[in-house]
N, C-alpha and C. Protein backbone atom coordinates (compact mmCIF):
# COMPACT_ATOMS: atom_id res chain seq x y z
N MET A 1 40.39 -33.55 -20.17
CA MET A 1 39.24 -33.42 -21.03
C MET A 1 37.94 -33.68 -20.26
N THR A 2 37.98 -34.61 -19.32
CA THR A 2 36.80 -34.94 -18.54
C THR A 2 36.41 -33.79 -17.63
N THR A 3 37.38 -33.11 -17.05
CA THR A 3 37.07 -31.98 -16.18
C THR A 3 36.46 -30.84 -16.98
N ARG A 4 36.89 -30.67 -18.21
CA ARG A 4 36.32 -29.61 -19.06
C ARG A 4 34.85 -29.90 -19.35
N ARG A 5 34.52 -31.14 -19.67
CA ARG A 5 33.12 -31.50 -19.94
C ARG A 5 32.26 -31.33 -18.69
N THR A 6 32.81 -31.71 -17.57
CA THR A 6 32.08 -31.54 -16.31
C THR A 6 31.83 -30.06 -16.05
N PHE A 7 32.85 -29.25 -16.29
CA PHE A 7 32.71 -27.81 -16.12
C PHE A 7 31.65 -27.24 -17.07
N GLU A 8 31.68 -27.68 -18.33
CA GLU A 8 30.70 -27.19 -19.31
C GLU A 8 29.28 -27.58 -18.91
N ARG A 9 29.11 -28.78 -18.41
CA ARG A 9 27.78 -29.21 -17.96
C ARG A 9 27.32 -28.37 -16.77
N THR A 10 28.24 -28.09 -15.86
CA THR A 10 27.89 -27.28 -14.70
C THR A 10 27.49 -25.87 -15.13
N VAL A 11 28.23 -25.30 -16.07
CA VAL A 11 27.92 -23.96 -16.56
C VAL A 11 26.57 -23.95 -17.26
N LEU A 12 26.31 -24.93 -18.10
CA LEU A 12 25.02 -25.00 -18.80
C LEU A 12 23.87 -25.19 -17.82
N ALA A 13 24.06 -26.00 -16.82
CA ALA A 13 23.02 -26.18 -15.80
C ALA A 13 22.78 -24.87 -15.06
N GLY A 14 23.84 -24.15 -14.73
CA GLY A 14 23.71 -22.87 -14.06
C GLY A 14 22.96 -21.86 -14.90
N PHE A 15 23.29 -21.79 -16.20
CA PHE A 15 22.58 -20.88 -17.09
C PHE A 15 21.11 -21.27 -17.21
N GLY A 16 20.84 -22.55 -17.24
CA GLY A 16 19.45 -23.01 -17.31
C GLY A 16 18.66 -22.61 -16.08
N ILE A 17 19.26 -22.81 -14.92
CA ILE A 17 18.60 -22.42 -13.66
C ILE A 17 18.40 -20.91 -13.62
N LEU A 18 19.39 -20.16 -14.02
CA LEU A 18 19.29 -18.71 -14.04
C LEU A 18 18.17 -18.25 -14.97
N ALA A 19 18.08 -18.84 -16.15
CA ALA A 19 17.03 -18.47 -17.10
C ALA A 19 15.65 -18.76 -16.52
N VAL A 20 15.49 -19.89 -15.87
CA VAL A 20 14.20 -20.23 -15.26
C VAL A 20 13.85 -19.25 -14.15
N LEU A 21 14.80 -18.93 -13.30
CA LEU A 21 14.55 -17.99 -12.21
C LEU A 21 14.19 -16.60 -12.72
N LEU A 22 14.90 -16.15 -13.75
CA LEU A 22 14.59 -14.84 -14.33
C LEU A 22 13.20 -14.83 -14.96
N ALA A 23 12.84 -15.90 -15.65
CA ALA A 23 11.51 -15.97 -16.27
C ALA A 23 10.41 -15.97 -15.21
N LEU A 24 10.61 -16.70 -14.13
CA LEU A 24 9.62 -16.71 -13.05
C LEU A 24 9.50 -15.35 -12.38
N GLY A 25 10.63 -14.70 -12.17
CA GLY A 25 10.61 -13.36 -11.58
C GLY A 25 9.89 -12.35 -12.46
N MET A 26 10.12 -12.41 -13.76
CA MET A 26 9.44 -11.50 -14.68
C MET A 26 7.94 -11.79 -14.71
N ALA A 27 7.56 -13.05 -14.71
CA ALA A 27 6.14 -13.41 -14.72
C ALA A 27 5.45 -12.89 -13.45
N PHE A 28 6.12 -13.05 -12.31
CA PHE A 28 5.56 -12.55 -11.05
C PHE A 28 5.43 -11.03 -11.08
N SER A 29 6.43 -10.33 -11.59
CA SER A 29 6.40 -8.87 -11.65
C SER A 29 5.28 -8.39 -12.58
N ILE A 30 5.12 -9.04 -13.71
CA ILE A 30 4.06 -8.66 -14.65
C ILE A 30 2.70 -8.87 -14.01
N ARG A 31 2.54 -9.96 -13.29
CA ARG A 31 1.27 -10.24 -12.63
C ARG A 31 0.96 -9.18 -11.57
N ARG A 32 1.97 -8.81 -10.78
CA ARG A 32 1.77 -7.76 -9.78
C ARG A 32 1.45 -6.43 -10.42
N LEU A 33 2.15 -6.12 -11.51
CA LEU A 33 1.92 -4.87 -12.22
C LEU A 33 0.50 -4.82 -12.77
N ALA A 34 0.04 -5.93 -13.34
CA ALA A 34 -1.32 -5.97 -13.89
C ALA A 34 -2.36 -5.78 -12.78
N ALA A 35 -2.14 -6.41 -11.64
CA ALA A 35 -3.08 -6.26 -10.53
C ALA A 35 -3.12 -4.82 -10.04
N GLU A 36 -1.96 -4.20 -9.94
CA GLU A 36 -1.90 -2.80 -9.49
C GLU A 36 -2.57 -1.88 -10.51
N ALA A 37 -2.34 -2.14 -11.79
CA ALA A 37 -2.97 -1.32 -12.84
C ALA A 37 -4.49 -1.45 -12.78
N ASN A 38 -4.99 -2.66 -12.59
CA ASN A 38 -6.44 -2.86 -12.49
C ASN A 38 -7.02 -2.11 -11.30
N ASP A 39 -6.32 -2.12 -10.18
CA ASP A 39 -6.77 -1.38 -9.00
C ASP A 39 -6.81 0.12 -9.28
N GLN A 40 -5.81 0.62 -9.99
CA GLN A 40 -5.77 2.05 -10.30
C GLN A 40 -6.91 2.45 -11.23
N VAL A 41 -7.20 1.61 -12.22
CA VAL A 41 -8.31 1.90 -13.14
C VAL A 41 -9.62 1.92 -12.37
N ALA A 42 -9.82 0.96 -11.48
CA ALA A 42 -11.04 0.93 -10.68
C ALA A 42 -11.13 2.18 -9.80
N ALA A 43 -10.02 2.62 -9.24
CA ALA A 43 -10.02 3.82 -8.41
C ALA A 43 -10.38 5.06 -9.23
N PHE A 44 -9.86 5.15 -10.45
CA PHE A 44 -10.20 6.28 -11.31
C PHE A 44 -11.68 6.27 -11.65
N ARG A 45 -12.22 5.09 -11.94
CA ARG A 45 -13.65 5.01 -12.25
C ARG A 45 -14.49 5.39 -11.05
N ALA A 46 -14.09 4.96 -9.87
CA ALA A 46 -14.83 5.33 -8.65
C ALA A 46 -14.77 6.83 -8.44
N GLU A 47 -13.62 7.42 -8.70
CA GLU A 47 -13.50 8.87 -8.52
C GLU A 47 -14.33 9.60 -9.57
N GLU A 48 -14.38 9.05 -10.78
CA GLU A 48 -15.18 9.66 -11.84
C GLU A 48 -16.66 9.64 -11.47
N LEU A 49 -17.10 8.57 -10.85
CA LEU A 49 -18.49 8.47 -10.41
C LEU A 49 -18.72 9.20 -9.10
N LYS A 50 -17.65 9.61 -8.45
CA LYS A 50 -17.72 10.29 -7.16
C LYS A 50 -18.43 9.43 -6.12
N THR A 51 -18.11 8.18 -6.09
CA THR A 51 -18.71 7.30 -5.10
C THR A 51 -17.77 7.13 -3.91
N PRO A 52 -18.32 7.19 -2.70
CA PRO A 52 -17.48 6.95 -1.53
C PRO A 52 -17.33 5.47 -1.23
N TYR A 53 -17.99 4.63 -2.01
CA TYR A 53 -17.98 3.19 -1.77
C TYR A 53 -17.15 2.52 -2.85
N PHE A 54 -15.98 2.04 -2.47
CA PHE A 54 -15.06 1.47 -3.45
C PHE A 54 -14.29 0.34 -2.81
N LEU A 55 -14.17 -0.77 -3.55
CA LEU A 55 -13.33 -1.89 -3.13
C LEU A 55 -12.42 -2.27 -4.29
N GLY A 56 -11.14 -2.36 -4.02
CA GLY A 56 -10.21 -2.83 -5.04
C GLY A 56 -10.16 -4.35 -5.04
N LYS A 57 -9.92 -4.91 -6.20
CA LYS A 57 -9.83 -6.38 -6.30
C LYS A 57 -8.44 -6.82 -5.92
N PRO A 58 -8.25 -7.96 -5.39
CA PRO A 58 -9.24 -8.91 -4.88
C PRO A 58 -9.74 -8.45 -3.51
N PHE A 59 -10.98 -8.77 -3.20
CA PHE A 59 -11.52 -8.40 -1.91
C PHE A 59 -12.23 -9.59 -1.29
N ARG A 60 -12.36 -9.55 0.01
CA ARG A 60 -13.01 -10.63 0.75
C ARG A 60 -14.49 -10.29 0.90
N TYR A 61 -15.30 -11.31 1.08
CA TYR A 61 -16.74 -11.08 1.19
C TYR A 61 -17.08 -10.26 2.44
N GLU A 62 -16.25 -10.35 3.48
CA GLU A 62 -16.48 -9.54 4.67
C GLU A 62 -16.39 -8.05 4.35
N GLN A 63 -15.47 -7.71 3.45
CA GLN A 63 -15.32 -6.30 3.05
C GLN A 63 -16.54 -5.82 2.29
N VAL A 64 -17.10 -6.68 1.45
CA VAL A 64 -18.30 -6.32 0.69
C VAL A 64 -19.46 -6.08 1.66
N ILE A 65 -19.64 -6.98 2.59
CA ILE A 65 -20.73 -6.84 3.57
C ILE A 65 -20.56 -5.57 4.38
N ALA A 66 -19.33 -5.29 4.83
CA ALA A 66 -19.07 -4.07 5.60
C ALA A 66 -19.36 -2.82 4.76
N LEU A 67 -19.00 -2.85 3.48
CA LEU A 67 -19.24 -1.70 2.61
C LEU A 67 -20.74 -1.50 2.37
N VAL A 68 -21.47 -2.57 2.16
CA VAL A 68 -22.92 -2.47 1.97
C VAL A 68 -23.58 -1.93 3.23
N ASN A 69 -23.16 -2.43 4.38
CA ASN A 69 -23.70 -1.92 5.64
C ASN A 69 -23.42 -0.43 5.81
N ARG A 70 -22.21 -0.02 5.46
CA ARG A 70 -21.84 1.40 5.55
C ARG A 70 -22.72 2.23 4.61
N ALA A 71 -22.94 1.73 3.40
CA ALA A 71 -23.76 2.46 2.43
C ALA A 71 -25.20 2.59 2.93
N LEU A 72 -25.71 1.53 3.55
CA LEU A 72 -27.08 1.58 4.07
C LEU A 72 -27.20 2.56 5.24
N VAL A 73 -26.18 2.65 6.06
CA VAL A 73 -26.22 3.57 7.20
C VAL A 73 -26.05 5.01 6.73
N GLU A 74 -25.09 5.25 5.83
CA GLU A 74 -24.80 6.62 5.39
C GLU A 74 -25.85 7.18 4.44
N ARG A 75 -26.43 6.32 3.61
CA ARG A 75 -27.45 6.72 2.62
C ARG A 75 -26.93 7.83 1.70
N VAL A 76 -25.70 7.70 1.23
CA VAL A 76 -25.11 8.66 0.29
C VAL A 76 -25.01 7.98 -1.07
N PRO A 77 -25.83 8.39 -2.05
CA PRO A 77 -25.75 7.75 -3.36
C PRO A 77 -24.54 8.25 -4.15
N PRO A 78 -24.05 7.46 -5.10
CA PRO A 78 -22.98 7.94 -5.97
C PRO A 78 -23.50 9.03 -6.90
N HIS A 79 -22.65 9.98 -7.22
CA HIS A 79 -23.02 11.07 -8.11
C HIS A 79 -22.29 10.88 -9.42
N HIS A 80 -23.05 10.57 -10.46
CA HIS A 80 -22.42 10.33 -11.77
C HIS A 80 -22.13 11.65 -12.46
N GLN A 81 -20.91 11.80 -12.92
CA GLN A 81 -20.51 12.97 -13.70
C GLN A 81 -20.31 12.50 -15.12
N PRO A 82 -21.14 12.92 -16.06
CA PRO A 82 -20.98 12.46 -17.45
C PRO A 82 -19.65 12.92 -18.04
N ARG A 83 -19.11 12.05 -18.87
CA ARG A 83 -17.84 12.39 -19.53
C ARG A 83 -18.06 13.46 -20.59
N ALA A 84 -17.01 14.20 -20.85
CA ALA A 84 -17.06 15.17 -21.92
C ALA A 84 -17.11 14.45 -23.25
N SER A 85 -17.78 15.01 -24.24
CA SER A 85 -17.89 14.34 -25.54
C SER A 85 -16.51 14.23 -26.17
N GLY A 86 -16.28 13.09 -26.82
CA GLY A 86 -14.99 12.84 -27.46
C GLY A 86 -14.00 12.18 -26.56
N ALA A 87 -14.34 11.93 -25.31
CA ALA A 87 -13.41 11.30 -24.38
C ALA A 87 -13.61 9.82 -24.36
């Protein structure tokens, strides 16, 4: 009877650990998916504006400075394309 209780405790502990690991894995995947989706939305908006200057989040301040310097050298403004009505 004692070995059965020990076995049951081991099984319950294993299921508990498995549940925690699965929950952490799902949370990490959702976070990565959200970050990728945000980057894609920003890319679509940049393409809609037809801007050659685009940074996806998260970005470092060095990238911002490099992009601003590039924009100042190239002197190419973004071209806004208005959306069609009803969109």
